[in-house]
PDB file of N, CA and C in Angstrom:
ATOM      1  N   UNK A   1     -45.718  11.123  59.114  1.00  0.00           N
ATOM      2  CA  UNK A   1     -46.226  10.578  57.878  1.00  0.00           C
ATOM      3  C   UNK A   1     -45.853  11.455  56.681  1.00  0.00           C
ATOM      4  N   UNK A   2     -45.856  12.754  56.885  1.00  0.00           N
ATOM      5  CA  UNK A   2     -45.502  13.679  55.814  1.00  0.00           C
ATOM      6  C   UNK A   2     -44.036  13.528  55.441  1.00  0.00           C
ATOM      7  N   UNK A   3     -43.182  13.239  56.428  1.00  0.00           N
ATOM      8  CA  UNK A   3     -41.759  13.053  56.159  1.00  0.00           C
ATOM      9  C   UNK A   3     -41.547  11.820  55.307  1.00  0.00           C
ATOM     10  N   UNK A   4     -42.326  10.783  55.565  1.00  0.00           N
ATOM     11  CA  UNK A   4     -42.222   9.547  54.787  1.00  0.00           C
ATOM     12  C   UNK A   4     -42.639   9.786  53.340  1.00  0.00           C
ATOM     13  N   UNK A   5     -43.686  10.573  53.158  1.00  0.00           N
ATOM     14  CA  UNK A   5     -44.165  10.882  51.812  1.00  0.00           C
ATOM     15  C   UNK A   5     -43.133  11.735  51.072  1.00  0.00           C
ATOM     16  N   UNK A   6     -42.512  12.671  51.771  1.00  0.00           N
ATOM     17  CA  UNK A   6     -41.481  13.509  51.154  1.00  0.00           C
ATOM     18  C   UNK A   6     -40.282  12.680  50.732  1.00  0.00           C
ATOM     19  N   UNK A   7     -39.882  11.721  51.581  1.00  0.00           N
ATOM     20  CA  UNK A   7     -38.739  10.872  51.249  1.00  0.00           C
ATOM     21  C   UNK A   7     -39.024  10.023  50.024  1.00  0.00           C
ATOM     22  N   UNK A   8     -40.232   9.446  49.952  1.00  0.00           N
ATOM     23  CA  UNK A   8     -40.554   8.610  48.792  1.00  0.00           C
ATOM     24  C   UNK A   8     -40.663   9.457  47.528  1.00  0.00           C
ATOM     25  N   UNK A   9     -41.190  10.693  47.678  1.00  0.00           N
ATOM     26  CA  UNK A   9     -41.285  11.580  46.515  1.00  0.00           C
ATOM     27  C   UNK A   9     -39.882  11.996  46.059  1.00  0.00           C
ATOM     28  N   UNK A  10     -39.009  12.307  46.993  1.00  0.00           N
ATOM     29  CA  UNK A  10     -37.639  12.679  46.662  1.00  0.00           C
ATOM     30  C   UNK A  10     -36.918  11.505  46.013  1.00  0.00           C
ATOM     31  N   UNK A  11     -37.128  10.332  46.564  1.00  0.00           N
ATOM     32  CA  UNK A  11     -36.510   9.133  45.995  1.00  0.00           C
ATOM     33  C   UNK A  11     -36.998   8.912  44.565  1.00  0.00           C
ATOM     34  N   UNK A  12     -38.303   9.094  44.358  1.00  0.00           N
ATOM     35  CA  UNK A  12     -38.875   8.919  43.018  1.00  0.00           C
ATOM     36  C   UNK A  12     -38.329   9.973  42.059  1.00  0.00           C
ATOM     37  N   UNK A  13     -38.174  11.208  42.538  1.00  0.00           N
ATOM     38  CA  UNK A  13     -37.609  12.276  41.704  1.00  0.00           C
ATOM     39  C   UNK A  13     -36.176  11.942  41.289  1.00  0.00           C
ATOM     40  N   UNK A  14     -35.396  11.427  42.235  1.00  0.00           N
ATOM     41  CA  UNK A  14     -34.016  11.060  41.936  1.00  0.00           C
ATOM     42  C   UNK A  14     -33.980   9.924  40.924  1.00  0.00           C
ATOM     43  N   UNK A  15     -34.831   8.926  41.117  1.00  0.00           N
ATOM     44  CA  UNK A  15     -34.881   7.801  40.176  1.00  0.00           C
ATOM     45  C   UNK A  15     -35.285   8.271  38.787  1.00  0.00           C
ATOM     46  N   UNK A  16     -36.263   9.171  38.718  1.00  0.00           N
ATOM     47  CA  UNK A  16     -36.695   9.701  37.420  1.00  0.00           C
ATOM     48  C   UNK A  16     -35.569  10.485  36.739  1.00  0.00           C
ATOM     49  N   UNK A  17     -34.856  11.276  37.527  1.00  0.00           N
ATOM     50  CA  UNK A  17     -33.746  12.049  36.980  1.00  0.00           C
ATOM     51  C   UNK A  17     -32.653  11.126  36.450  1.00  0.00           C
ATOM     52  N   UNK A  18     -32.330  10.097  37.215  1.00  0.00           N
ATOM     53  CA  UNK A  18     -31.315   9.134  36.777  1.00  0.00           C
ATOM     54  C   UNK A  18     -31.765   8.434  35.503  1.00  0.00           C
ATOM     55  N   UNK A  19     -33.019   8.026  35.441  1.00  0.00           N
ATOM     56  CA  UNK A  19     -33.545   7.342  34.261  1.00  0.00           C
ATOM     57  C   UNK A  19     -33.487   8.258  33.039  1.00  0.00           C
ATOM     58  N   UNK A  20     -33.930   9.508  33.208  1.00  0.00           N
ATOM     59  CA  UNK A  20     -33.914  10.459  32.088  1.00  0.00           C
ATOM     60  C   UNK A  20     -32.488  10.737  31.612  1.00  0.00           C
ATOM     61  N   UNK A  21     -31.585  10.893  32.562  1.00  0.00           N
ATOM     62  CA  UNK A  21     -30.188  11.138  32.214  1.00  0.00           C
ATOM     63  C   UNK A  21     -29.590   9.944  31.487  1.00  0.00           C
ATOM     64  N   UNK A  22     -29.904   8.751  31.962  1.00  0.00           N
ATOM     65  CA  UNK A  22     -29.407   7.537  31.317  1.00  0.00           C
ATOM     66  C   UNK A  22     -29.919   7.437  29.887  1.00  0.00           C
ATOM     67  N   UNK A  23     -31.192   7.729  29.694  1.00  0.00           N
ATOM     68  CA  UNK A  23     -31.755   7.692  28.342  1.00  0.00           C
ATOM     69  C   UNK A  23     -31.083   8.723  27.439  1.00  0.00           C
ATOM     70  N   UNK A  24     -30.868   9.920  27.958  1.00  0.00           N
ATOM     71  CA  UNK A  24     -30.236  10.977  27.161  1.00  0.00           C
ATOM     72  C   UNK A  24     -28.806  10.585  26.790  1.00  0.00           C
ATOM     73  N   UNK A  25     -28.079  10.026  27.749  1.00  0.00           N
ATOM     74  CA  UNK A  25     -26.711   9.595  27.463  1.00  0.00           C
ATOM     75  C   UNK A  25     -26.683   8.457  26.450  1.00  0.00           C
ATOM     76  N   UNK A  26     -27.622   7.531  26.567  1.00  0.00           N
ATOM     77  CA  UNK A  26     -27.695   6.416  25.628  1.00  0.00           C
ATOM     78  C   UNK A  26     -27.973   6.925  24.214  1.00  0.00           C
ATOM     79  N   UNK A  27     -28.888   7.862  24.098  1.00  0.00           N
ATOM     80  CA  UNK A  27     -29.220   8.426  22.786  1.00  0.00           C
ATOM     81  C   UNK A  27     -28.019   9.166  22.195  1.00  0.00           C
ATOM     82  N   UNK A  28     -27.335   9.924  23.034  1.00  0.00           N
ATOM     83  CA  UNK A  28     -26.161  10.662  22.553  1.00  0.00           C
ATOM     84  C   UNK A  28     -25.049   9.701  22.137  1.00  0.00           C
ATOM     85  N   UNK A  29     -24.870   8.630  22.895  1.00  0.00           N
ATOM     86  CA  UNK A  29     -23.851   7.639  22.545  1.00  0.00           C
ATOM     87  C   UNK A  29     -24.185   6.979  21.208  1.00  0.00           C
ATOM     88  N   UNK A  30     -25.444   6.671  20.983  1.00  0.00           N
ATOM     89  CA  UNK A  30     -25.856   6.066  19.713  1.00  0.00           C
ATOM     90  C   UNK A  30     -25.629   7.031  18.552  1.00  0.00           C
ATOM     91  N   UNK A  31     -25.930   8.303  18.758  1.00  0.00           N
ATOM     92  CA  UNK A  31     -25.710   9.292  17.702  1.00  0.00           C
ATOM     93  C   UNK A  31     -24.221   9.438  17.384  1.00  0.00           C
ATOM     94  N   UNK A  32     -23.412   9.468  18.418  1.00  0.00           N
ATOM     95  CA  UNK A  32     -21.967   9.573  18.221  1.00  0.00           C
ATOM     96  C   UNK A  32     -21.435   8.347  17.501  1.00  0.00           C
ATOM     97  N   UNK A  33     -21.920   7.182  17.896  1.00  0.00           N
ATOM     98  CA  UNK A  33     -21.507   5.928  17.265  1.00  0.00           C
ATOM     99  C   UNK A  33     -21.884   5.921  15.787  1.00  0.00           C
ATOM    100  N   UNK A  34     -23.112   6.335  15.477  1.00  0.00           N
ATOM    101  CA  UNK A  34     -23.553   6.382  14.082  1.00  0.00           C
ATOM    102  C   UNK A  34     -22.718   7.369  13.267  1.00  0.00           C
ATOM    103  N   UNK A  35     -22.421   8.524  13.850  1.00  0.00           N
ATOM    104  CA  UNK A  35     -21.602   9.519  13.147  1.00  0.00           C
ATOM    105  C   UNK A  35     -20.199   8.977  12.899  1.00  0.00           C
ATOM    106  N   UNK A  36     -19.655   8.281  13.872  1.00  0.00           N
ATOM    107  CA  UNK A  36     -18.323   7.701  13.721  1.00  0.00           C
ATOM    108  C   UNK A  36     -18.317   6.626  12.644  1.00  0.00           C
ATOM    109  N   UNK A  37     -19.344   5.791  12.623  1.00  0.00           N
ATOM    110  CA  UNK A  37     -19.438   4.765  11.581  1.00  0.00           C
ATOM    111  C   UNK A  37     -19.531   5.385  10.195  1.00  0.00           C
ATOM    112  N   UNK A  38     -20.318   6.442  10.070  1.00  0.00           N
ATOM    113  CA  UNK A  38     -20.438   7.120   8.778  1.00  0.00           C
ATOM    114  C   UNK A  38     -19.093   7.685   8.331  1.00  0.00           C
ATOM    115  N   UNK A  39     -18.373   8.289   9.257  1.00  0.00           N
ATOM    116  CA  UNK A  39     -17.068   8.857   8.900  1.00  0.00           C
ATOM    117  C   UNK A  39     -16.079   7.760   8.513  1.00  0.00           C
ATOM    118  N   UNK A  40     -16.088   6.652   9.243  1.00  0.00           N
ATOM    119  CA  UNK A  40     -15.187   5.550   8.917  1.00  0.00           C
ATOM    120  C   UNK A  40     -15.516   4.950   7.554  1.00  0.00           C
ATOM    121  N   UNK A  41     -16.790   4.838   7.243  1.00  0.00           N
ATOM    122  CA  UNK A  41     -17.179   4.331   5.918  1.00  0.00           C
ATOM    123  C   UNK A  41     -16.702   5.272   4.819  1.00  0.00           C
ATOM    124  N   UNK A  42     -16.854   6.572   5.054  1.00  0.00           N
ATOM    125  CA  UNK A  42     -16.413   7.562   4.077  1.00  0.00           C
ATOM    126  C   UNK A  42     -14.900   7.465   3.864  1.00  0.00           C
ATOM    127  N   UNK A  43     -14.155   7.374   4.950  1.00  0.00           N
ATOM    128  CA  UNK A  43     -12.696   7.255   4.852  1.00  0.00           C
ATOM    129  C   UNK A  43     -12.297   5.958   4.153  1.00  0.00           C
ATOM    130  N   UNK A  44     -12.986   4.849   4.479  1.00  0.00           N
ATOM    131  CA  UNK A  44     -12.683   3.566   3.842  1.00  0.00           C
ATOM    132  C   UNK A  44     -12.909   3.650   2.340  1.00  0.00           C
ATOM    133  N   UNK A  45     -14.024   4.257   1.941  1.00  0.00           N
ATOM    134  CA  UNK A  45     -14.314   4.392   0.513  1.00  0.00           C
ATOM    135  C   UNK A  45     -13.238   5.219  -0.188  1.00  0.00           C
ATOM    136  N   UNK A  46     -12.795   6.291   0.457  1.00  0.00           N
ATOM    137  CA  UNK A  46     -11.739   7.113  -0.127  1.00  0.00           C
ATOM    138  C   UNK A  46     -10.434   6.344  -0.274  1.00  0.00           C
ATOM    139  N   UNK A  47     -10.084   5.569   0.746  1.00  0.00           N
ATOM    140  CA  UNK A  47      -8.857   4.772   0.674  1.00  0.00           C
ATOM    141  C   UNK A  47      -8.956   3.693  -0.394  1.00  0.00           C
ATOM    142  N   UNK A  48     -10.130   3.086  -0.536  1.00  0.00           N
ATOM    143  CA  UNK A  48     -10.314   2.074  -1.583  1.00  0.00           C
ATOM    144  C   UNK A  48     -10.142   2.692  -2.967  1.00  0.00           C
ATOM    145  N   UNK A  49     -10.725   3.869  -3.172  1.00  0.00           N
ATOM    146  CA  UNK A  49     -10.579   4.548  -4.467  1.00  0.00           C
ATOM    147  C   UNK A  49      -9.112   4.868  -4.746  1.00  0.00           C
ATOM    148  N   UNK A  50      -8.426   5.379  -3.741  1.00  0.00           N
ATOM    149  CA  UNK A  50      -7.012   5.726  -3.912  1.00  0.00           C
ATOM    150  C   UNK A  50      -6.169   4.487  -4.196  1.00  0.00           C
ATOM    151  N   UNK A  51      -6.447   3.404  -3.496  1.00  0.00           N
ATOM    152  CA  UNK A  51      -5.697   2.167  -3.699  1.00  0.00           C
ATOM    153  C   UNK A  51      -5.928   1.607  -5.098  1.00  0.00           C
ATOM    154  N   UNK A  52      -7.180   1.625  -5.562  1.00  0.00           N
ATOM    155  CA  UNK A  52      -7.472   1.147  -6.917  1.00  0.00           C
ATOM    156  C   UNK A  52      -6.761   1.999  -7.960  1.00  0.00           C
ATOM    157  N   UNK A  53      -6.739   3.303  -7.732  1.00  0.00           N
ATOM    158  CA  UNK A  53      -6.065   4.211  -8.667  1.00  0.00           C
ATOM    159  C   UNK A  53      -4.568   3.905  -8.721  1.00  0.00           C
ATOM    160  N   UNK A  54      -3.947   3.757  -7.569  1.00  0.00           N
ATOM    161  CA  UNK A  54      -2.510   3.457  -7.528  1.00  0.00           C
ATOM    162  C   UNK A  54      -2.219   2.083  -8.126  1.00  0.00           C
ATOM    163  N   UNK A  55      -3.101   1.123  -7.896  1.00  0.00           N
ATOM    164  CA  UNK A  55      -2.926  -0.215  -8.470  1.00  0.00           C
ATOM    165  C   UNK A  55      -2.961  -0.148  -9.994  1.00  0.00           C
ATOM    166  N   UNK A  56      -3.922   0.604 -10.534  1.00  0.00           N
ATOM    167  CA  UNK A  56      -4.004   0.759 -11.990  1.00  0.00           C
ATOM    168  C   UNK A  56      -2.750   1.434 -12.543  1.00  0.00           C
ATOM    169  N   UNK A  57      -2.276   2.456 -11.853  1.00  0.00           N
ATOM    170  CA  UNK A  57      -1.054   3.136 -12.305  1.00  0.00           C
ATOM    171  C   UNK A  57       0.142   2.194 -12.283  1.00  0.00           C
ATOM    172  N   UNK A  58       0.259   1.387 -11.254  1.00  0.00           N
ATOM    173  CA  UNK A  58       1.380   0.442 -11.162  1.00  0.00           C
ATOM    174  C   UNK A  58       1.303  -0.591 -12.278  1.00  0.00           C
ATOM    175  N   UNK A  59       0.111  -1.095 -12.551  1.00  0.00           N
ATOM    176  CA  UNK A  59      -0.043  -2.081 -13.635  1.00  0.00           C
ATOM    177  C   UNK A  59       0.324  -1.470 -14.982  1.00  0.00           C
ATOM    178  N   UNK A  60      -0.115  -0.247 -15.216  1.00  0.00           N
ATOM    179  CA  UNK A  60       0.224   0.426 -16.476  1.00  0.00           C
ATOM    180  C   UNK A  60       1.732   0.603 -16.606  1.00  0.00           C
ATOM    181  N   UNK A  61       2.370   0.995 -15.529  1.00  0.00           N
ATOM    182  CA  UNK A  61       3.815   1.204 -15.568  1.00  0.00           C
ATOM    183  C   UNK A  61       4.543  -0.101 -15.853  1.00  0.00           C
ATOM    184  N   UNK A  62       4.145  -1.169 -15.190  1.00  0.00           N
ATOM    185  CA  UNK A  62       4.813  -2.457 -15.390  1.00  0.00           C
ATOM    186  C   UNK A  62       4.597  -2.948 -16.814  1.00  0.00           C
ATOM    187  N   UNK A  63       3.408  -2.748 -17.355  1.00  0.00           N
ATOM    188  CA  UNK A  63       3.158  -3.175 -18.738  1.00  0.00           C
ATOM    189  C   UNK A  63       3.936  -2.326 -19.731  1.00  0.00           C
ATOM    190  N   UNK A  64       4.117  -1.060 -19.417  1.00  0.00           N
ATOM    191  CA  UNK A  64       4.843  -0.169 -20.326  1.00  0.00           C
ATOM    192  C   UNK A  64       6.357  -0.356 -20.222  1.00  0.00           C
ATOM    193  N   UNK A  65       6.865  -0.801 -19.089  1.00  0.00           N
ATOM    194  CA  UNK A  65       8.307  -0.942 -18.866  1.00  0.00           C
ATOM    195  C   UNK A  65       8.639  -2.311 -18.273  1.00  0.00           C
ATOM    196  N   UNK A  66       8.392  -3.388 -19.005  1.00  0.00           N
ATOM    197  CA  UNK A  66       8.638  -4.720 -18.423  1.00  0.00           C
ATOM    198  C   UNK A  66      10.120  -4.997 -18.186  1.00  0.00           C
ATOM    199  N   UNK A  67      10.989  -4.429 -19.019  1.00  0.00           N
ATOM    200  CA  UNK A  67      12.424  -4.693 -18.857  1.00  0.00           C
ATOM    201  C   UNK A  67      12.960  -4.105 -17.554  1.00  0.00           C
ATOM    202  N   UNK A  68      12.422  -2.994 -17.121  1.00  0.00           N
ATOM    203  CA  UNK A  68      12.863  -2.408 -15.855  1.00  0.00           C
ATOM    204  C   UNK A  68      12.436  -3.281 -14.677  1.00  0.00           C
ATOM    205  N   UNK A  69      11.266  -3.872 -14.779  1.00  0.00           N
ATOM    206  CA  UNK A  69      10.806  -4.779 -13.728  1.00  0.00           C
ATOM    207  C   UNK A  69      11.696  -6.000 -13.628  1.00  0.00           C
ATOM    208  N   UNK A  70      12.094  -6.535 -14.784  1.00  0.00           N
ATOM    209  CA  UNK A  70      12.993  -7.692 -14.782  1.00  0.00           C
ATOM    210  C   UNK A  70      14.367  -7.317 -14.243  1.00  0.00           C
ATOM    211  N   UNK A  71      14.861  -6.161 -14.625  1.00  0.00           N
ATOM    212  CA  UNK A  71      16.162  -5.708 -14.133  1.00  0.00           C
ATOM    213  C   UNK A  71      16.152  -5.507 -12.626  1.00  0.00           C
ATOM    214  N   UNK A  72      15.086  -4.938 -12.125  1.00  0.00           N
ATOM    215  CA  UNK A  72      14.970  -4.731 -10.686  1.00  0.00           C
ATOM    216  C   UNK A  72      14.901  -6.063  -9.951  1.00  0.00           C
ATOM    217  N   UNK A  73      14.130  -7.007 -10.477  1.00  0.00           N
ATOM    218  CA  UNK A  73      14.032  -8.333  -9.855  1.00  0.00           C
ATOM    219  C   UNK A  73      15.385  -9.033  -9.885  1.00  0.00           C
ATOM    220  N   UNK A  74      16.113  -8.895 -10.987  1.00  0.00           N
ATOM    221  CA  UNK A  74      17.439  -9.508 -11.100  1.00  0.00           C
ATOM    222  C   UNK A  74      18.400  -8.910 -10.069  1.00  0.00           C
ATOM    223  N   UNK A  75      18.396  -7.587  -9.959  1.00  0.00           N
ATOM    224  CA  UNK A  75      19.282  -6.915  -9.002  1.00  0.00           C
ATOM    225  C   UNK A  75      18.929  -7.302  -7.567  1.00  0.00           C
ATOM    226  N   UNK A  76      17.653  -7.356  -7.260  1.00  0.00           N
ATOM    227  CA  UNK A  76      17.231  -7.750  -5.913  1.00  0.00           C
ATOM    228  C   UNK A  76      17.639  -9.186  -5.630  1.00  0.00           C
ATOM    229  N   UNK A  77      17.517 -10.062  -6.624  1.00  0.00           N
ATOM    230  CA  UNK A  77      17.932 -11.453  -6.463  1.00  0.00           C
ATOM    231  C   UNK A  77      19.418 -11.569  -6.201  1.00  0.00           C
ATOM    232  N   UNK A  78      20.214 -10.766  -6.902  1.00  0.00           N
ATOM    233  CA  UNK A  78      21.664 -10.771  -6.671  1.00  0.00           C
ATOM    234  C   UNK A  78      22.007 -10.325  -5.249  1.00  0.00           C
ATOM    235  N   UNK A  79      21.359  -9.274  -4.804  1.00  0.00           N
ATOM    236  CA  UNK A  79      21.627  -8.767  -3.455  1.00  0.00           C
ATOM    237  C   UNK A  79      21.227  -9.795  -2.410  1.00  0.00           C
ATOM    238  N   UNK A  80      20.055 -10.378  -2.552  1.00  0.00           N
ATOM    239  CA  UNK A  80      19.597 -11.391  -1.592  1.00  0.00           C
ATOM    240  C   UNK A  80      20.504 -12.612  -1.630  1.00  0.00           C
ATOM    241  N   UNK A  81      20.895 -13.031  -2.825  1.00  0.00           N
ATOM    242  CA  UNK A  81      21.809 -14.171  -2.948  1.00  0.00           C
ATOM    243  C   UNK A  81      23.147 -13.896  -2.290  1.00  0.00           C
ATOM    244  N   UNK A  82      23.664 -12.690  -2.471  1.00  0.00           N
ATOM    245  CA  UNK A  82      24.944 -12.326  -1.856  1.00  0.00           C
ATOM    246  C   UNK A  82      24.835 -12.317  -0.338  1.00  0.00           C
ATOM    247  N   UNK A  83      23.730 -11.817   0.168  1.00  0.00           N
ATOM    248  CA  UNK A  83      23.541 -11.798   1.618  1.00  0.00           C
ATOM    249  C   UNK A  83      23.413 -13.205   2.191  1.00  0.00           C
ATOM    250  N   UNK A  84      22.745 -14.071   1.488  1.00  0.00           N
ATOM    251  CA  UNK A  84      22.562 -15.448   1.967  1.00  0.00           C
ATOM    252  C   UNK A  84      23.887 -16.198   1.966  1.00  0.00           C
ATOM    253  N   UNK A  85      24.700 -16.014   0.926  1.00  0.00           N
ATOM    254  CA  UNK A  85      25.962 -16.760   0.839  1.00  0.00           C
ATOM    255  C   UNK A  85      27.014 -16.239   1.814  1.00  0.00           C
ATOM    256  N   UNK A  86      26.884 -15.040   2.312  1.00  0.00           N
ATOM    257  CA  UNK A  86      27.861 -14.483   3.258  1.00  0.00           C
ATOM    258  C   UNK A  86      27.749 -15.123   4.629  1.00  0.00           C
ATOM    259  N   UNK A  87      26.630 -15.686   4.952  1.00  0.00           N
ATOM    260  CA  UNK A  87      26.446 -16.278   6.283  1.00  0.00           C
ATOM    261  C   UNK A  87      27.064 -17.590   6.324  1.00  0.00           C
TER     262      UNK A  87
END
């Protein structure tokens, strides 16, 4: 009878250990996930700021130098047209 009680106690100890370990791992996974989300949000915000800055710079340049934009478009059109007619 004592052996049976020891086995059930050992089984219960193992189950408790597994449960506690599972809870600890779940909590750690949630913390890691939250930290990763925070870092991704921070990186996204930085990229958005950089993209807006570059967009503003490009718009300013195009407004300040419209003739260069037209010349570039004309040259690109000539190159594309030449490539299309060669086939």
